Amino acid sequence: LLGAALAVEQVTAFIVRSSAPSSVDF
């Protein structure tokens, strides 16, 4: 469960980071 929580956070951050334009700072 601890590993899953860490993995889900990293995967979600990667998806958000890859979907946002590179020139915009959110």
PDB file of all heavy atoms in Angstrom:
ATOM      1  N   LEU A   1       0.817  -1.209   0.000  1.00  0.00           N
ATOM      2  CA  LEU A   1       0.000   0.000   0.000  1.00  0.00           C
ATOM      3  C   LEU A   1       0.851   1.260   0.000  1.00  0.00           C
ATOM      4  O   LEU A   1       0.537   2.237  -0.691  1.00  0.00           O
ATOM      5  CB  LEU A   1      -0.943  -0.008   1.198  1.00  0.00           C
ATOM      6  CG  LEU A   1      -2.078  -1.034   1.150  1.00  0.00           C
ATOM      7  CD1 LEU A   1      -2.848  -1.028   2.460  1.00  0.00           C
ATOM      8  CD2 LEU A   1      -3.000  -0.764  -0.015  1.00  0.00           C
ATOM      9  N   LEU A   2       1.927   1.240   0.775  1.00  0.00           N
ATOM     10  CA  LEU A   2       2.829   2.404   0.779  1.00  0.00           C
ATOM     11  C   LEU A   2       3.487   2.589  -0.589  1.00  0.00           C
ATOM     12  O   LEU A   2       3.582   3.706  -1.097  1.00  0.00           O
ATOM     13  CB  LEU A   2       3.898   2.230   1.857  1.00  0.00           C
ATOM     14  CG  LEU A   2       3.417   2.348   3.298  1.00  0.00           C
ATOM     15  CD1 LEU A   2       4.489   1.842   4.250  1.00  0.00           C
ATOM     16  CD2 LEU A   2       3.042   3.773   3.610  1.00  0.00           C
ATOM     17  N   GLY A   3       3.942   1.496  -1.178  1.00  0.00           N
ATOM     18  CA  GLY A   3       4.543   1.577  -2.507  1.00  0.00           C
ATOM     19  C   GLY A   3       3.547   2.031  -3.556  1.00  0.00           C
ATOM     20  O   GLY A   3       3.879   2.817  -4.452  1.00  0.00           O
ATOM     21  N   ALA A   4       2.308   1.567  -3.449  1.00  0.00           N
ATOM     22  CA  ALA A   4       1.275   1.968  -4.402  1.00  0.00           C
ATOM     23  C   ALA A   4       0.960   3.454  -4.280  1.00  0.00           C
ATOM     24  O   ALA A   4       0.766   4.140  -5.298  1.00  0.00           O
ATOM     25  CB  ALA A   4       0.015   1.137  -4.194  1.00  0.00           C
ATOM     26  N   ALA A   5       0.916   3.960  -3.057  1.00  0.00           N
ATOM     27  CA  ALA A   5       0.652   5.394  -2.864  1.00  0.00           C
ATOM     28  C   ALA A   5       1.747   6.238  -3.502  1.00  0.00           C
ATOM     29  O   ALA A   5       1.473   7.241  -4.179  1.00  0.00           O
ATOM     30  CB  ALA A   5       0.537   5.715  -1.377  1.00  0.00           C
ATOM     31  N   LEU A   6       2.985   5.822  -3.320  1.00  0.00           N
ATOM     32  CA  LEU A   6       4.102   6.559  -3.925  1.00  0.00           C
ATOM     33  C   LEU A   6       4.083   6.450  -5.442  1.00  0.00           C
ATOM     34  O   LEU A   6       4.343   7.422  -6.152  1.00  0.00           O
ATOM     35  CB  LEU A   6       5.424   6.045  -3.366  1.00  0.00           C
ATOM     36  CG  LEU A   6       5.686   6.374  -1.902  1.00  0.00           C
ATOM     37  CD1 LEU A   6       6.859   5.572  -1.374  1.00  0.00           C
ATOM     38  CD2 LEU A   6       5.923   7.853  -1.737  1.00  0.00           C
ATOM     39  N   ALA A   7       3.766   5.270  -5.945  1.00  0.00           N
ATOM     40  CA  ALA A   7       3.740   5.074  -7.399  1.00  0.00           C
ATOM     41  C   ALA A   7       2.608   5.855  -8.054  1.00  0.00           C
ATOM     42  O   ALA A   7       2.799   6.473  -9.113  1.00  0.00           O
ATOM     43  CB  ALA A   7       3.611   3.583  -7.720  1.00  0.00           C
ATOM     44  N   VAL A   8       1.435   5.846  -7.445  1.00  0.00           N
ATOM     45  CA  VAL A   8       0.299   6.583  -8.008  1.00  0.00           C
ATOM     46  C   VAL A   8       0.600   8.079  -8.046  1.00  0.00           C
ATOM     47  O   VAL A   8       0.270   8.765  -9.023  1.00  0.00           O
ATOM     48  CB  VAL A   8      -0.986   6.285  -7.206  1.00  0.00           C
ATOM     49  CG1 VAL A   8      -2.087   7.272  -7.511  1.00  0.00           C
ATOM     50  CG2 VAL A   8      -1.453   4.871  -7.482  1.00  0.00           C
ATOM     51  N   GLU A   9       1.235   8.584  -7.014  1.00  0.00           N
ATOM     52  CA  GLU A   9       1.589  10.007  -7.001  1.00  0.00           C
ATOM     53  C   GLU A   9       2.554  10.343  -8.122  1.00  0.00           C
ATOM     54  O   GLU A   9       2.397  11.350  -8.815  1.00  0.00           O
ATOM     55  CB  GLU A   9       2.201  10.360  -5.639  1.00  0.00           C
ATOM     56  CG  GLU A   9       2.374  11.835  -5.424  1.00  0.00           C
ATOM     57  CD  GLU A   9       3.791  12.321  -5.619  1.00  0.00           C
ATOM     58  OE1 GLU A   9       4.718  11.504  -5.615  1.00  0.00           O
ATOM     59  OE2 GLU A   9       3.963  13.540  -5.788  1.00  0.00           O
ATOM     60  N   GLN A  10       3.543   9.504  -8.345  1.00  0.00           N
ATOM     61  CA  GLN A  10       4.520   9.771  -9.397  1.00  0.00           C
ATOM     62  C   GLN A  10       3.916   9.625 -10.794  1.00  0.00           C
ATOM     63  O   GLN A  10       4.211  10.421 -11.686  1.00  0.00           O
ATOM     64  CB  GLN A  10       5.722   8.835  -9.240  1.00  0.00           C
ATOM     65  CG  GLN A  10       6.572   9.146  -8.036  1.00  0.00           C
ATOM     66  CD  GLN A  10       7.158  10.540  -8.106  1.00  0.00           C
ATOM     67  OE1 GLN A  10       7.741  10.934  -9.113  1.00  0.00           O
ATOM     68  NE2 GLN A  10       6.998  11.298  -7.050  1.00  0.00           N
ATOM     69  N   VAL A  11       3.067   8.633 -10.992  1.00  0.00           N
ATOM     70  CA  VAL A  11       2.424   8.442 -12.302  1.00  0.00           C
ATOM     71  C   VAL A  11       1.490   9.601 -12.606  1.00  0.00           C
ATOM     72  O   VAL A  11       1.467  10.118 -13.730  1.00  0.00           O
ATOM     73  CB  VAL A  11       1.692   7.083 -12.348  1.00  0.00           C
ATOM     74  CG1 VAL A  11       0.781   6.983 -13.550  1.00  0.00           C
ATOM     75  CG2 VAL A  11       2.688   5.945 -12.347  1.00  0.00           C
ATOM     76  N   THR A  12       0.720  10.025 -11.607  1.00  0.00           N
ATOM     77  CA  THR A  12      -0.183  11.159 -11.812  1.00  0.00           C
ATOM     78  C   THR A  12       0.598  12.431 -12.128  1.00  0.00           C
ATOM     79  O   THR A  12       0.218  13.189 -13.022  1.00  0.00           O
ATOM     80  CB  THR A  12      -1.059  11.368 -10.565  1.00  0.00           C
ATOM     81  OG1 THR A  12      -1.727  10.156 -10.264  1.00  0.00           O
ATOM     82  CG2 THR A  12      -2.059  12.467 -10.782  1.00  0.00           C
ATOM     83  N   ALA A  13       1.678  12.662 -11.420  1.00  0.00           N
ATOM     84  CA  ALA A  13       2.504  13.837 -11.696  1.00  0.00           C
ATOM     85  C   ALA A  13       3.097  13.769 -13.102  1.00  0.00           C
ATOM     86  O   ALA A  13       3.163  14.784 -13.804  1.00  0.00           O
ATOM     87  CB  ALA A  13       3.611  13.961 -10.664  1.00  0.00           C
ATOM     88  N   PHE A  14       3.507  12.581 -13.534  1.00  0.00           N
ATOM     89  CA  PHE A  14       4.045  12.440 -14.887  1.00  0.00           C
ATOM     90  C   PHE A  14       2.982  12.727 -15.937  1.00  0.00           C
ATOM     91  O   PHE A  14       3.251  13.402 -16.935  1.00  0.00           O
ATOM     92  CB  PHE A  14       4.607  11.025 -15.083  1.00  0.00           C
ATOM     93  CG  PHE A  14       5.021  10.742 -16.491  1.00  0.00           C
ATOM     94  CD1 PHE A  14       6.181  11.290 -17.007  1.00  0.00           C
ATOM     95  CD2 PHE A  14       4.237   9.955 -17.315  1.00  0.00           C
ATOM     96  CE1 PHE A  14       6.557  11.047 -18.316  1.00  0.00           C
ATOM     97  CE2 PHE A  14       4.600   9.702 -18.618  1.00  0.00           C
ATOM     98  CZ  PHE A  14       5.760  10.249 -19.124  1.00  0.00           C
ATOM     99  N   ILE A  15       1.768  12.233 -15.733  1.00  0.00           N
ATOM    100  CA  ILE A  15       0.690  12.465 -16.702  1.00  0.00           C
ATOM    101  C   ILE A  15       0.357  13.946 -16.790  1.00  0.00           C
ATOM    102  O   ILE A  15       0.201  14.495 -17.884  1.00  0.00           O
ATOM    103  CB  ILE A  15      -0.551  11.634 -16.328  1.00  0.00           C
ATOM    104  CG1 ILE A  15      -0.265  10.150 -16.559  1.00  0.00           C
ATOM    105  CG2 ILE A  15      -1.762  12.067 -17.125  1.00  0.00           C
ATOM    106  CD1 ILE A  15      -1.325   9.227 -16.012  1.00  0.00           C
ATOM    107  N   VAL A  16       0.266  14.608 -15.652  1.00  0.00           N
ATOM    108  CA  VAL A  16      -0.033  16.046 -15.656  1.00  0.00           C
ATOM    109  C   VAL A  16       1.105  16.821 -16.299  1.00  0.00           C
ATOM    110  O   VAL A  16       0.883  17.727 -17.096  1.00  0.00           O
ATOM    111  CB  VAL A  16      -0.310  16.535 -14.218  1.00  0.00           C
ATOM    112  CG1 VAL A  16      -0.375  18.048 -14.156  1.00  0.00           C
ATOM    113  CG2 VAL A  16      -1.587  15.931 -13.694  1.00  0.00           C
ATOM    114  N   ARG A  17       2.344  16.453 -15.962  1.00  0.00           N
ATOM    115  CA  ARG A  17       3.509  17.147 -16.518  1.00  0.00           C
ATOM    116  C   ARG A  17       3.592  16.964 -18.029  1.00  0.00           C
ATOM    117  O   ARG A  17       3.935  17.884 -18.763  1.00  0.00           O
ATOM    118  CB  ARG A  17       4.772  16.618 -15.856  1.00  0.00           C
ATOM    119  CG  ARG A  17       5.986  17.468 -16.058  1.00  0.00           C
ATOM    120  CD  ARG A  17       7.211  16.918 -15.338  1.00  0.00           C
ATOM    121  NE  ARG A  17       6.947  16.522 -13.957  1.00  0.00           N
ATOM    122  CZ  ARG A  17       7.035  15.265 -13.510  1.00  0.00           C
ATOM    123  NH1 ARG A  17       7.362  14.290 -14.318  1.00  0.00           N
ATOM    124  NH2 ARG A  17       6.792  14.988 -12.245  1.00  0.00           N
ATOM    125  N   SER A  18       3.275  15.774 -18.524  1.00  0.00           N
ATOM    126  CA  SER A  18       3.386  15.527 -19.959  1.00  0.00           C
ATOM    127  C   SER A  18       2.231  16.133 -20.744  1.00  0.00           C
ATOM    128  O   SER A  18       2.365  16.398 -21.936  1.00  0.00           O
ATOM    129  CB  SER A  18       3.473  14.030 -20.227  1.00  0.00           C
ATOM    130  OG  SER A  18       2.271  13.392 -19.852  1.00  0.00           O
ATOM    131  N   SER A  19       1.087  16.364 -20.102  1.00  0.00           N
ATOM    132  CA  SER A  19      -0.044  16.934 -20.828  1.00  0.00           C
ATOM    133  C   SER A  19      -0.006  18.459 -20.881  1.00  0.00           C
ATOM    134  O   SER A  19      -0.675  19.061 -21.709  1.00  0.00           O
ATOM    135  CB  SER A  19      -1.355  16.483 -20.192  1.00  0.00           C
ATOM    136  OG  SER A  19      -1.484  17.023 -18.896  1.00  0.00           O
ATOM    137  N   ALA A  20       0.752  19.079 -20.015  1.00  0.00           N
ATOM    138  CA  ALA A  20       0.829  20.540 -19.990  1.00  0.00           C
ATOM    139  C   ALA A  20       1.847  21.029 -21.023  1.00  0.00           C
ATOM    140  O   ALA A  20       2.844  20.366 -21.283  1.00  0.00           O
ATOM    141  CB  ALA A  20       1.247  21.017 -18.605  1.00  0.00           C
ATOM    142  N   PRO A  21       1.596  22.185 -21.617  1.00  0.00           N
ATOM    143  CA  PRO A  21       2.579  22.751 -22.544  1.00  0.00           C
ATOM    144  C   PRO A  21       3.885  23.080 -21.819  1.00  0.00           C
ATOM    145  O   PRO A  21       3.876  23.439 -20.644  1.00  0.00           O
ATOM    146  CB  PRO A  21       1.917  24.030 -23.050  1.00  0.00           C
ATOM    147  CG  PRO A  21       0.533  24.023 -22.558  1.00  0.00           C
ATOM    148  CD  PRO A  21       0.409  22.995 -21.497  1.00  0.00           C
ATOM    149  N   SER A  22       4.988  22.945 -22.515  1.00  0.00           N
ATOM    150  CA  SER A  22       6.290  23.130 -21.877  1.00  0.00           C
ATOM    151  C   SER A  22       6.599  24.596 -21.568  1.00  0.00           C
ATOM    152  O   SER A  22       7.382  24.885 -20.674  1.00  0.00           O
ATOM    153  CB  SER A  22       7.386  22.549 -22.749  1.00  0.00           C
ATOM    154  OG  SER A  22       7.402  23.219 -23.991  1.00  0.00           O
ATOM    155  N   SER A  23       5.998  25.525 -22.283  1.00  0.00           N
ATOM    156  CA  SER A  23       6.335  26.933 -22.095  1.00  0.00           C
ATOM    157  C   SER A  23       5.495  27.616 -21.018  1.00  0.00           C
ATOM    158  O   SER A  23       5.749  28.762 -20.680  1.00  0.00           O
ATOM    159  CB  SER A  23       6.153  27.681 -23.408  1.00  0.00           C
ATOM    160  OG  SER A  23       4.794  27.621 -23.802  1.00  0.00           O
ATOM    161  N   VAL A  24       4.525  26.920 -20.458  1.00  0.00           N
ATOM    162  CA  VAL A  24       3.618  27.526 -19.493  1.00  0.00           C
ATOM    163  C   VAL A  24       3.965  27.028 -18.097  1.00  0.00           C
ATOM    164  O   VAL A  24       4.221  25.854 -17.893  1.00  0.00           O
ATOM    165  CB  VAL A  24       2.154  27.175 -19.837  1.00  0.00           C
ATOM    166  CG1 VAL A  24       1.212  27.774 -18.814  1.00  0.00           C
ATOM    167  CG2 VAL A  24       1.808  27.651 -21.215  1.00  0.00           C
ATOM    168  N   ASP A  25       3.969  27.956 -17.143  1.00  0.00           N
ATOM    169  CA  ASP A  25       4.226  27.589 -15.752  1.00  0.00           C
ATOM    170  C   ASP A  25       2.911  27.640 -14.990  1.00  0.00           C
ATOM    171  O   ASP A  25       2.290  28.691 -14.898  1.00  0.00           O
ATOM    172  CB  ASP A  25       5.240  28.548 -15.142  1.00  0.00           C
ATOM    173  CG  ASP A  25       5.706  28.080 -13.786  1.00  0.00           C
ATOM    174  OD1 ASP A  25       5.647  26.866 -13.533  1.00  0.00           O
ATOM    175  OD2 ASP A  25       6.112  28.928 -12.991  1.00  0.00           O
ATOM    176  N   PHE A  26       2.474  26.507 -14.483  1.00  0.00           N
ATOM    177  CA  PHE A  26       1.224  26.423 -13.749  1.00  0.00           C
ATOM    178  C   PHE A  26       1.493  26.491 -12.254  1.00  0.00           C
ATOM    179  O   PHE A  26       2.510  26.031 -11.778  1.00  0.00           O
ATOM    180  CB  PHE A  26       0.509  25.099 -14.053  1.00  0.00           C
ATOM    181  CG  PHE A  26      -0.047  25.032 -15.436  1.00  0.00           C
ATOM    182  CD1 PHE A  26       0.691  24.491 -16.467  1.00  0.00           C
ATOM    183  CD2 PHE A  26      -1.314  25.497 -15.703  1.00  0.00           C
ATOM    184  CE1 PHE A  26       0.179  24.415 -17.735  1.00  0.00           C
ATOM    185  CE2 PHE A  26      -1.836  25.421 -16.973  1.00  0.00           C
ATOM    186  CZ  PHE A  26      -1.098  24.888 -17.989  1.00  0.00           C
TER     187      PHE A  26
END
